[in-house]
Structures are given as C-alpha cells and as structure tokens.
C-alpha cells in the first residue's frame, strides 16, 4: 500500500513539473515575441482650423530702375556723384566736354541769322516788284518768281531754326541730370574717358517702394482667385517677405497685379506685389521668400515624414486596433514645407505611423508610441 502511495506521489510530482515547464516555456515565448516587436511613434489625425503659409521665391526690383546713357559722343569731363549715393531729381550727375557743341550751336545761330536776313531782303524785293506790277512797269510773272523765292527763304529760316534747336539739344545733352530721386549704381567709367553715343554711365534706382515678382503654379493660382472671390475672409492680398538672411522684412506688401498669360513651359503665372521701403533696406536685384497666408477650416494635416510615394501616389501606414500596419493611399490637396493637407483617403481619428516608413512593411505588427499633438504642432 505504501509502495502505491509513493508511486502515486512520484507521478503527481512529474506531471506537475511537466505542466510547470510548459507554462514557463509559453511565458518565455510570449516575452520573446514582445521583445521582438519594435516600438514606433504613431499619431492620431485630427481636424483643425489653421492658417497655412505658402512660400514663393521672390525677385525684388526697384519701383523705377533705368540705365543712364550718354546721348552724345565726347570726353567724360567730370563725374559729380559717387556710387551708391542718393540723388535728387534734376541733380547734375555727369558732364561731357561741350566745346565742340558750343561751336556747332554758334554756327547754327549764324546760319539762322543769315537766313532771316536773306528773307528780309527778299521780302523788300517782293514789295518793290509788287509796286512795279501795279504800275504795269513789269509783268506779273516776275512778282510770282519773287514770292516763290520768299517762300523758299522762309523755309530756310525754319530749317535753320531746327538746326539751332538740334545744336542746343546736343549742348544740353552734355549735362546728364537725374530723371528722378534714387540711388546711383556702379559707375564703370572714369573722368577723361572717351564715350560714344549710348554708352552706359550708370543706373538709377528709385527704391522708395519695391516690386516683388513671384510665380504661382496654375492650380494654386486658380484656388487663390476662387478663394478671393468666394471667401475673401480666408485669404488676403497682403503678403510678407523673408529676406536672404532669414529675417522678416518689417513692412507688409500687397499683391497689385497678375500677368495676363500662363507660361506654357512652366505652367505658372507671375504675380507682382509692392512693398513700401521707407528705410531703403531693399535694393534692386535682391531675393527673398514671399509668404501668402490662407485660413483653412476643419482640415486634416499629415506630417511629411509620415508619407511615402509609390508611382506618383502618396501613402501612409495606418495602424489598426491590433497594432498592425496597413498601407493607405490618400490624395493631398496641397503640400507645404512640413506637411500635407488631405483632400481624401484619410480622416480625423485615423492612427498613422508618424515616422520610420522605410523600416516597416505592410502587415507588420508594431508596438505604438503615441506622439503628442503639441509635438506635431511644434514641428510645423
């Protein structure tokens, strides 16, 4: 009887050990599986109201910018201004030697005096012949000849006067004046240089206000114009400018005009905005980034690092209730520097993989780590 009890105890202990071993093995396998499941950041999409800022490369030009060129040939006698200095309208900038032009003006005036004297003499002759014709001393044909000569002399006077005016203009052109207030650009020549008609002397920029030219893609142009017409409270013609050093220009600009044609090669259309420039900080030829702000209501935004593209289609990994990843295509309404605005394919409440798309695959199970909404907002 005791032998049977001992045997029974031995069997029971063996069974218990086997059960315990199996349970321990199962627990170990489960822990190993959990350890093999990698942790990835995920986020839950939400609908929100926001202000979208889209940047465009801006080409900054002066309100007025003209080349100052010589209108006559001669020696550059004197330069009255320096590069980069402000000038006033009518201020003397350059002087070309004028001795030759003074001589030409004197000749033209002398020719005019001779023409006037000849015409006066002819006029007296006409009066004398007219009196003789009335007395029938000479024929009427001689009067007609004299009158024709007077007409020719008067034409000569007109021609001489035009030559005087031309010479006067040529003499005036030896003094180059500023056509408006502005800033002098580089002066490539020095005093004493022989210059031809049309030689570039400098450029003059009126920088009291500046133009910023930028290009809109056709689809964004259409969206902007429609929004301005249907919901003017959601967008504005006022724009901001970030300069090349990353600092925002203190003055706001305003879109003034849109070009009449869309460029076929680029599929874009040019806009022009004007910025006041009271401190003269902006200069002709500068560059920057122009920003247009648009209000967006109840939109879903997806971070750029959550998106990957396959054959021109945009995808994210959606995380289901079992923490399994599924590829999900979506259509972006527009793309900004750090995020996409969703048109369709995703909705508020969807949980997506925040980053790490290159390290996962469809159907993979992950250990999710929720990304705080504040972190996503800060990322923008």
Protein backbone atom coordinates (compact mmCIF):
# COMPACT_ATOMS: atom_id res chain seq x y z
CA UNK A 1 0.00 0.00 0.00
CA UNK A 2 2.83 2.37 0.89
CA UNK A 3 4.59 1.47 -2.34
CA UNK A 4 1.50 2.50 -4.29
CA UNK A 5 1.30 5.83 -2.44
CA UNK A 6 4.95 6.55 -3.12
CA UNK A 7 4.46 5.73 -6.77
CA UNK A 8 1.41 8.00 -6.95
CA UNK A 9 3.31 10.86 -5.39
CA UNK A 10 6.12 10.42 -7.89
CA UNK A 11 3.73 10.52 -10.85
CA UNK A 12 1.98 13.59 -9.48
CA UNK A 13 5.27 15.41 -8.99
CA UNK A 14 6.35 14.53 -12.56
CA UNK A 15 3.05 15.76 -14.02
CA UNK A 16 3.27 18.96 -12.02
CA UNK A 17 6.82 19.53 -13.20
CA UNK A 18 5.79 18.98 -16.82
CA UNK A 19 2.87 21.40 -16.53
CA UNK A 20 5.05 23.97 -14.82
CA UNK A 21 7.68 23.57 -17.53
CA UNK A 22 5.16 24.06 -20.31
CA UNK A 23 3.72 27.16 -18.65
CA UNK A 24 7.16 28.60 -18.14
CA UNK A 25 8.08 27.90 -21.79
CA UNK A 26 4.91 29.56 -23.06
CA UNK A 27 5.53 32.62 -20.92
CA UNK A 28 9.11 32.79 -22.16
CA UNK A 29 7.97 32.56 -25.80
CA UNK A 30 5.45 35.36 -25.21
CA UNK A 31 8.08 37.57 -23.62
CA UNK A 32 10.43 36.84 -26.52
CA UNK A 33 7.71 37.78 -29.03
CA UNK A 34 7.03 41.04 -27.16
CA UNK A 35 10.72 41.80 -27.11
CA UNK A 36 10.93 41.27 -30.88
CA UNK A 37 8.06 43.72 -31.56
CA UNK A 38 9.66 47.08 -32.33
CA UNK A 39 8.32 50.35 -30.97
CA UNK A 40 7.41 53.09 -33.44
CA UNK A 41 5.87 56.53 -32.95
CA UNK A 42 2.28 56.88 -34.09
CA UNK A 43 -0.14 59.78 -34.14
CA UNK A 44 -3.90 60.19 -34.36
CA UNK A 45 -5.11 62.52 -37.09
CA UNK A 46 -7.37 65.36 -36.04
CA UNK A 47 -9.34 68.00 -37.92
CA UNK A 48 -8.30 71.53 -37.04
CA UNK A 49 -8.55 75.13 -38.13
CA UNK A 50 -5.22 76.61 -39.10
CA UNK A 51 -3.50 79.32 -41.10
CA UNK A 52 -1.47 77.97 -43.98
CA UNK A 53 1.58 79.89 -45.16
CA UNK A 54 2.92 79.08 -48.60
CA UNK A 55 6.30 80.43 -49.69
CA UNK A 56 7.34 81.58 -53.15
CA UNK A 57 10.72 82.71 -54.44
CA UNK A 58 10.58 86.46 -54.96
CA UNK A 59 12.56 88.54 -57.44
CA UNK A 60 12.81 92.03 -55.94
CA UNK A 61 13.07 95.03 -58.24
CA UNK A 62 13.02 98.76 -57.73
CA UNK A 63 9.84 100.69 -58.43
CA UNK A 64 11.88 102.52 -61.08
CA UNK A 65 15.22 101.42 -62.47
CA UNK A 66 16.73 102.98 -65.57
CA UNK A 67 20.09 102.95 -67.28
CA UNK A 68 21.73 106.36 -67.58
CA UNK A 69 23.39 106.52 -71.01
CA UNK A 70 25.24 109.20 -72.92
CA UNK A 71 23.27 110.83 -75.72
CA UNK A 72 26.26 112.44 -77.43
CA UNK A 73 29.84 111.47 -78.20
CA UNK A 74 32.70 113.15 -76.38
CA UNK A 75 35.09 113.11 -73.44
CA UNK A 76 33.63 112.49 -69.99
CA UNK A 77 34.78 115.71 -68.36
CA UNK A 78 33.51 115.36 -64.80
CA UNK A 79 31.61 112.97 -62.51
CA UNK A 80 29.60 114.75 -59.81
CA UNK A 81 28.26 111.75 -57.88
CA UNK A 82 29.55 108.59 -56.25
CA UNK A 83 28.37 105.01 -56.43
CA UNK A 84 25.61 104.03 -54.01
CA UNK A 85 24.76 107.64 -53.12
CA UNK A 86 21.23 109.11 -53.16
CA UNK A 87 20.47 111.84 -55.67
CA UNK A 88 17.55 114.19 -56.27
CA UNK A 89 15.57 114.74 -59.44
CA UNK A 90 17.37 117.24 -61.71
CA UNK A 91 20.72 116.86 -59.93
CA UNK A 92 23.78 117.04 -62.21
CA UNK A 93 25.41 113.60 -62.48
CA UNK A 94 27.93 113.78 -65.37
CA UNK A 95 29.43 116.44 -67.62
CA UNK A 96 30.70 115.74 -71.15
CA UNK A 97 33.10 118.24 -72.72
CA UNK A 98 30.90 120.76 -74.57
CA UNK A 99 33.31 122.95 -76.56
CA UNK A 100 32.54 121.25 -79.87
CA UNK A 101 28.80 121.55 -79.26
CA UNK A 102 29.08 125.23 -78.40
CA UNK A 103 30.81 125.81 -81.72
CA UNK A 104 28.08 123.93 -83.56
CA UNK A 105 25.44 126.00 -81.78
CA UNK A 106 27.19 129.23 -82.82
CA UNK A 107 27.29 128.05 -86.43
CA UNK A 108 23.61 127.17 -86.34
CA UNK A 109 22.70 130.57 -84.90
CA UNK A 110 24.79 132.31 -87.56
CA UNK A 111 23.05 130.32 -90.29
CA UNK A 112 19.72 131.32 -88.84
CA UNK A 113 20.70 134.99 -88.85
CA UNK A 114 21.76 134.75 -92.49
CA UNK A 115 18.51 133.05 -93.42
CA UNK A 116 16.48 135.75 -91.66
CA UNK A 117 18.48 138.49 -93.42
CA UNK A 118 18.01 136.84 -96.83
CA UNK A 119 14.30 136.52 -96.21
CA UNK A 120 14.06 140.18 -95.18
CA UNK A 121 15.83 141.25 -98.35
CA UNK A 122 13.56 139.05 -100.45
CA UNK A 123 10.51 140.46 -98.68
CA UNK A 124 11.60 144.02 -99.59
CA UNK A 125 12.18 142.90 -103.17
CA UNK A 126 8.67 141.42 -103.30
CA UNK A 127 7.20 144.72 -102.10
CA UNK A 128 9.16 146.66 -104.74
CA UNK A 129 8.14 144.28 -107.55
CA UNK A 130 4.52 144.35 -106.41
CA UNK A 131 4.50 148.16 -106.70
CA UNK A 132 6.00 147.98 -110.20
CA UNK A 133 3.47 145.37 -111.25
CA UNK A 134 0.65 147.60 -110.02
CA UNK A 135 2.06 150.40 -112.16
CA UNK A 136 2.35 147.90 -115.00
CA UNK A 137 6.04 148.57 -115.34
CA UNK A 138 6.92 144.85 -115.20
CA UNK A 139 4.93 141.69 -115.74
CA UNK A 140 3.11 139.79 -113.00
CA UNK A 141 5.27 136.71 -113.57
CA UNK A 142 8.26 138.47 -112.01
CA UNK A 143 6.20 139.01 -108.85
CA UNK A 144 5.40 135.33 -108.74
CA UNK A 145 9.08 134.45 -109.01
CA UNK A 146 9.93 136.85 -106.17
CA UNK A 147 7.17 135.44 -103.98
CA UNK A 148 8.42 131.88 -104.61
CA UNK A 149 11.90 132.96 -103.51
CA UNK A 150 10.43 134.47 -100.33
CA UNK A 151 8.67 131.21 -99.60
CA UNK A 152 11.95 129.34 -100.05
CA UNK A 153 13.75 131.80 -97.76
CA UNK A 154 11.12 131.29 -95.05
CA UNK A 155 11.59 127.53 -95.36
CA UNK A 156 15.33 128.08 -94.98
CA UNK A 157 14.61 130.03 -91.79
CA UNK A 158 12.56 127.12 -90.43
CA UNK A 159 15.37 124.71 -91.27
CA UNK A 160 17.95 126.99 -89.64
CA UNK A 161 15.82 127.25 -86.51
CA UNK A 162 15.57 123.46 -86.31
CA UNK A 163 19.36 123.26 -86.63
CA UNK A 164 19.72 125.75 -83.79
CA UNK A 165 17.33 123.66 -81.66
CA UNK A 166 19.24 120.49 -82.51
CA UNK A 167 22.56 122.10 -81.59
CA UNK A 168 21.02 123.43 -78.41
CA UNK A 169 19.79 119.93 -77.55
CA UNK A 170 23.20 118.43 -78.25
CA UNK A 171 24.76 121.00 -75.94
CA UNK A 172 22.15 120.24 -73.27
CA UNK A 173 22.91 116.52 -73.53
CA UNK A 174 26.46 117.17 -72.36
CA UNK A 175 24.99 117.62 -68.88
CA UNK A 176 23.37 114.41 -67.63
CA UNK A 177 20.77 115.03 -64.93
CA UNK A 178 18.94 112.63 -62.63
CA UNK A 179 15.45 111.93 -64.04
CA UNK A 180 14.04 111.24 -60.54
CA UNK A 181 15.09 110.69 -56.92
CA UNK A 182 17.04 107.50 -56.48
CA UNK A 183 20.26 105.62 -55.69
CA UNK A 184 23.24 105.63 -58.04
CA UNK A 185 24.53 102.22 -59.10
CA UNK A 186 28.08 101.35 -60.22
CA UNK A 187 29.91 103.89 -62.39
CA UNK A 188 32.12 101.86 -64.77
CA UNK A 189 33.94 104.80 -66.42
CA UNK A 190 36.32 107.43 -65.10
CA UNK A 191 36.66 111.11 -65.89
CA UNK A 192 38.57 111.63 -69.14
CA UNK A 193 37.11 108.55 -70.87
CA UNK A 194 36.08 108.93 -74.50
CA UNK A 195 32.49 107.79 -74.78
CA UNK A 196 30.17 107.13 -77.69
CA UNK A 197 26.50 107.88 -78.01
CA UNK A 198 24.62 105.26 -75.99
CA UNK A 199 27.49 104.43 -73.61
CA UNK A 200 26.25 103.19 -70.23
CA UNK A 201 27.29 105.63 -67.49
CA UNK A 202 25.38 104.14 -64.53
CA UNK A 203 21.93 103.01 -63.40
CA UNK A 204 19.48 104.84 -61.16
CA UNK A 205 17.05 103.03 -58.84
CA UNK A 206 14.04 104.55 -57.14
CA UNK A 207 13.77 102.32 -54.05
CA UNK A 208 11.09 104.26 -52.17
CA UNK A 209 8.89 101.27 -52.90
CA UNK A 210 9.79 97.88 -54.34
CA UNK A 211 8.21 95.29 -56.59
CA UNK A 212 8.38 91.59 -55.70
CA UNK A 213 7.71 89.28 -58.64
CA UNK A 214 6.86 85.63 -57.98
CA UNK A 215 5.31 82.70 -59.85
CA UNK A 216 2.13 80.82 -58.93
CA UNK A 217 1.55 77.28 -60.25
CA UNK A 218 -1.64 77.24 -62.29
CA UNK A 219 -3.63 75.09 -59.83
CA UNK A 220 -2.67 77.31 -56.89
CA UNK A 221 -3.50 80.42 -58.91
CA UNK A 222 -6.98 79.09 -59.65
CA UNK A 223 -7.52 78.19 -55.99
CA UNK A 224 -6.30 81.61 -54.84
CA UNK A 225 -8.54 83.54 -57.24
CA UNK A 226 -11.60 81.45 -56.35
CA UNK A 227 -10.96 81.92 -52.65
CA UNK A 228 -10.58 85.68 -53.09
CA UNK A 229 -13.95 85.82 -54.85
CA UNK A 230 -15.97 83.38 -52.73
CA UNK A 231 -14.32 83.63 -49.30
CA UNK A 232 -12.27 86.83 -49.11
CA UNK A 233 -12.07 86.45 -45.31
CA UNK A 234 -9.96 83.30 -45.71
CA UNK A 235 -7.15 84.84 -47.74
CA UNK A 236 -5.74 88.27 -48.45
CA UNK A 237 -3.76 90.25 -50.96
CA UNK A 238 -1.40 91.25 -48.15
CA UNK A 239 1.87 89.29 -48.12
CA UNK A 240 5.03 89.09 -46.02
CA UNK A 241 8.65 88.85 -47.13
CA UNK A 242 11.54 86.90 -45.65
CA UNK A 243 14.90 88.29 -46.72
CA UNK A 244 18.01 86.34 -47.71
CA UNK A 245 19.32 86.35 -44.13
CA UNK A 246 16.13 84.71 -42.85
CA UNK A 247 14.78 87.87 -41.18
CA UNK A 248 11.25 89.05 -41.97
CA UNK A 249 11.01 92.42 -43.70
CA UNK A 250 9.14 94.78 -41.32
CA UNK A 251 6.76 96.13 -43.97
CA UNK A 252 3.85 94.14 -45.39
CA UNK A 253 3.33 94.06 -49.13
CA UNK A 254 0.22 93.91 -51.27
CA UNK A 255 -0.44 91.95 -54.44
CA UNK A 256 -1.19 94.53 -57.11
CA UNK A 257 -1.43 92.68 -60.38
CA UNK A 258 -1.43 89.30 -62.10
CA UNK A 259 0.03 88.80 -65.57
CA UNK A 260 -2.31 88.07 -68.44
CA UNK A 261 -0.80 84.77 -69.61
CA UNK A 262 0.20 81.44 -68.12
CA UNK A 263 3.66 80.34 -69.21
CA UNK A 264 3.27 77.14 -71.20
CA UNK A 265 6.75 75.83 -70.40
CA UNK A 266 6.38 76.09 -66.60
CA UNK A 267 2.60 76.04 -66.15
CA UNK A 268 2.81 79.08 -63.89
CA UNK A 269 1.66 82.67 -63.85
CA UNK A 270 3.51 85.69 -62.44
CA UNK A 271 2.21 87.91 -59.66
CA UNK A 272 3.53 91.30 -58.58
CA UNK A 273 3.42 92.67 -55.04
CA UNK A 274 4.51 96.12 -53.89
CA UNK A 275 6.37 96.74 -50.63
CA UNK A 276 6.98 100.17 -49.08
CA UNK A 277 10.69 100.66 -48.42
CA UNK A 278 10.98 103.75 -46.18
CA UNK A 279 14.37 102.75 -44.71
CA UNK A 280 15.86 101.80 -48.08
CA UNK A 281 16.74 98.30 -46.87
CA UNK A 282 15.56 96.56 -50.04
CA UNK A 283 17.69 97.05 -53.13
CA UNK A 284 17.13 96.35 -56.80
CA UNK A 285 18.01 92.74 -57.68
CA UNK A 286 17.56 91.37 -54.15
CA UNK A 287 15.94 87.98 -53.49
CA UNK A 288 13.75 86.57 -50.76
CA UNK A 289 10.77 84.37 -49.99
CA UNK A 290 7.29 85.77 -50.17
CA UNK A 291 4.59 84.23 -47.97
CA UNK A 292 0.82 84.17 -48.56
CA UNK A 293 -1.43 83.23 -45.65
CA UNK A 294 -4.70 81.35 -46.10
CA UNK A 295 -7.19 80.28 -43.43
CA UNK A 296 -8.13 76.59 -43.59
CA UNK A 297 -11.12 75.28 -41.61
CA UNK A 298 -11.54 71.71 -40.35
CA UNK A 299 -8.61 70.24 -42.30
CA UNK A 300 -6.61 67.09 -41.68
CA UNK A 301 -2.83 67.54 -41.82
CA UNK A 302 -0.31 64.75 -42.30
CA UNK A 303 3.38 65.26 -41.46
CA UNK A 304 5.73 64.95 -44.39
CA UNK A 305 7.82 62.28 -42.66
CA UNK A 306 4.75 60.05 -42.39
CA UNK A 307 4.26 59.96 -46.18
CA UNK A 308 5.98 57.88 -48.84
CA UNK A 309 5.36 57.86 -52.58
CA UNK A 310 4.95 54.94 -54.95
CA UNK A 311 4.39 55.64 -58.66
CA UNK A 312 3.23 59.21 -58.10
CA UNK A 313 0.77 58.18 -55.38
CA UNK A 314 1.05 59.18 -51.74
CA UNK A 315 0.74 56.60 -48.96
CA UNK A 316 0.85 56.34 -45.19
CA UNK A 317 0.79 53.35 -42.85
CA UNK A 318 -2.48 53.17 -40.90
CA UNK A 319 -2.31 51.37 -37.55
CA UNK A 320 -5.36 49.16 -36.79
CA UNK A 321 -6.69 48.11 -33.38
CA UNK A 322 -4.31 45.13 -33.32
CA UNK A 323 -1.33 47.48 -33.95
CA UNK A 324 -0.90 46.04 -37.44
CA UNK A 325 0.27 48.34 -40.25
CA UNK A 326 -1.72 48.76 -43.47
CA UNK A 327 -0.68 50.83 -46.49
CA UNK A 328 -3.26 53.53 -47.18
CA UNK A 329 -3.26 55.78 -50.25
CA UNK A 330 -4.54 59.36 -49.94
CA UNK A 331 -4.89 62.41 -52.15
CA UNK A 332 -3.19 65.62 -50.94
CA UNK A 333 -4.99 68.90 -51.51
CA UNK A 334 -1.70 70.74 -51.34
CA UNK A 335 1.81 70.24 -49.99
CA UNK A 336 3.67 72.61 -47.72
CA UNK A 337 7.19 72.50 -46.40
CA UNK A 338 6.45 70.16 -43.47
CA UNK A 339 3.05 68.64 -44.08
CA UNK A 340 0.28 67.71 -46.49
CA UNK A 341 -3.33 68.87 -46.39
CA UNK A 342 -5.55 65.85 -47.03
CA UNK A 343 -8.15 66.03 -49.78
CA UNK A 344 -9.44 62.45 -49.42
CA UNK A 345 -8.31 58.99 -48.36
CA UNK A 346 -7.73 59.83 -44.68
CA UNK A 347 -9.97 61.22 -41.96
CA UNK A 348 -9.83 62.53 -38.43
CA UNK A 349 -9.41 59.69 -35.95
CA UNK A 350 -7.15 57.56 -38.17
CA UNK A 351 -4.00 56.43 -36.40
CA UNK A 352 -0.92 56.51 -38.63
CA UNK A 353 2.78 55.74 -38.35
CA UNK A 354 4.47 59.06 -37.57
CA UNK A 355 7.93 58.21 -38.92
CA UNK A 356 10.07 55.24 -39.86
CA UNK A 357 8.21 54.23 -43.02
CA UNK A 358 11.42 52.98 -44.62
CA UNK A 359 11.92 50.40 -41.85
CA UNK A 360 8.48 48.74 -41.83
CA UNK A 361 6.30 46.73 -44.20
CA UNK A 362 2.62 46.18 -44.86
CA UNK A 363 1.07 43.81 -42.31
CA UNK A 364 3.81 44.28 -39.74
CA UNK A 365 2.81 44.45 -36.06
CA UNK A 366 4.43 47.23 -34.05
CA UNK A 367 4.46 48.49 -30.51
CA UNK A 368 2.94 52.00 -30.84
CA UNK A 369 4.22 55.04 -29.01
CA UNK A 370 1.74 57.91 -29.21
CA UNK A 371 3.17 61.26 -30.40
CA UNK A 372 1.72 64.24 -28.55
CA UNK A 373 -0.24 66.72 -30.64
CA UNK A 374 1.93 69.54 -29.29
CA UNK A 375 4.99 67.91 -30.83
CA UNK A 376 3.29 67.83 -34.23
CA UNK A 377 2.28 71.49 -33.96
CA UNK A 378 5.81 72.46 -32.91
CA UNK A 379 7.14 70.60 -35.95
CA UNK A 380 5.25 72.98 -38.22
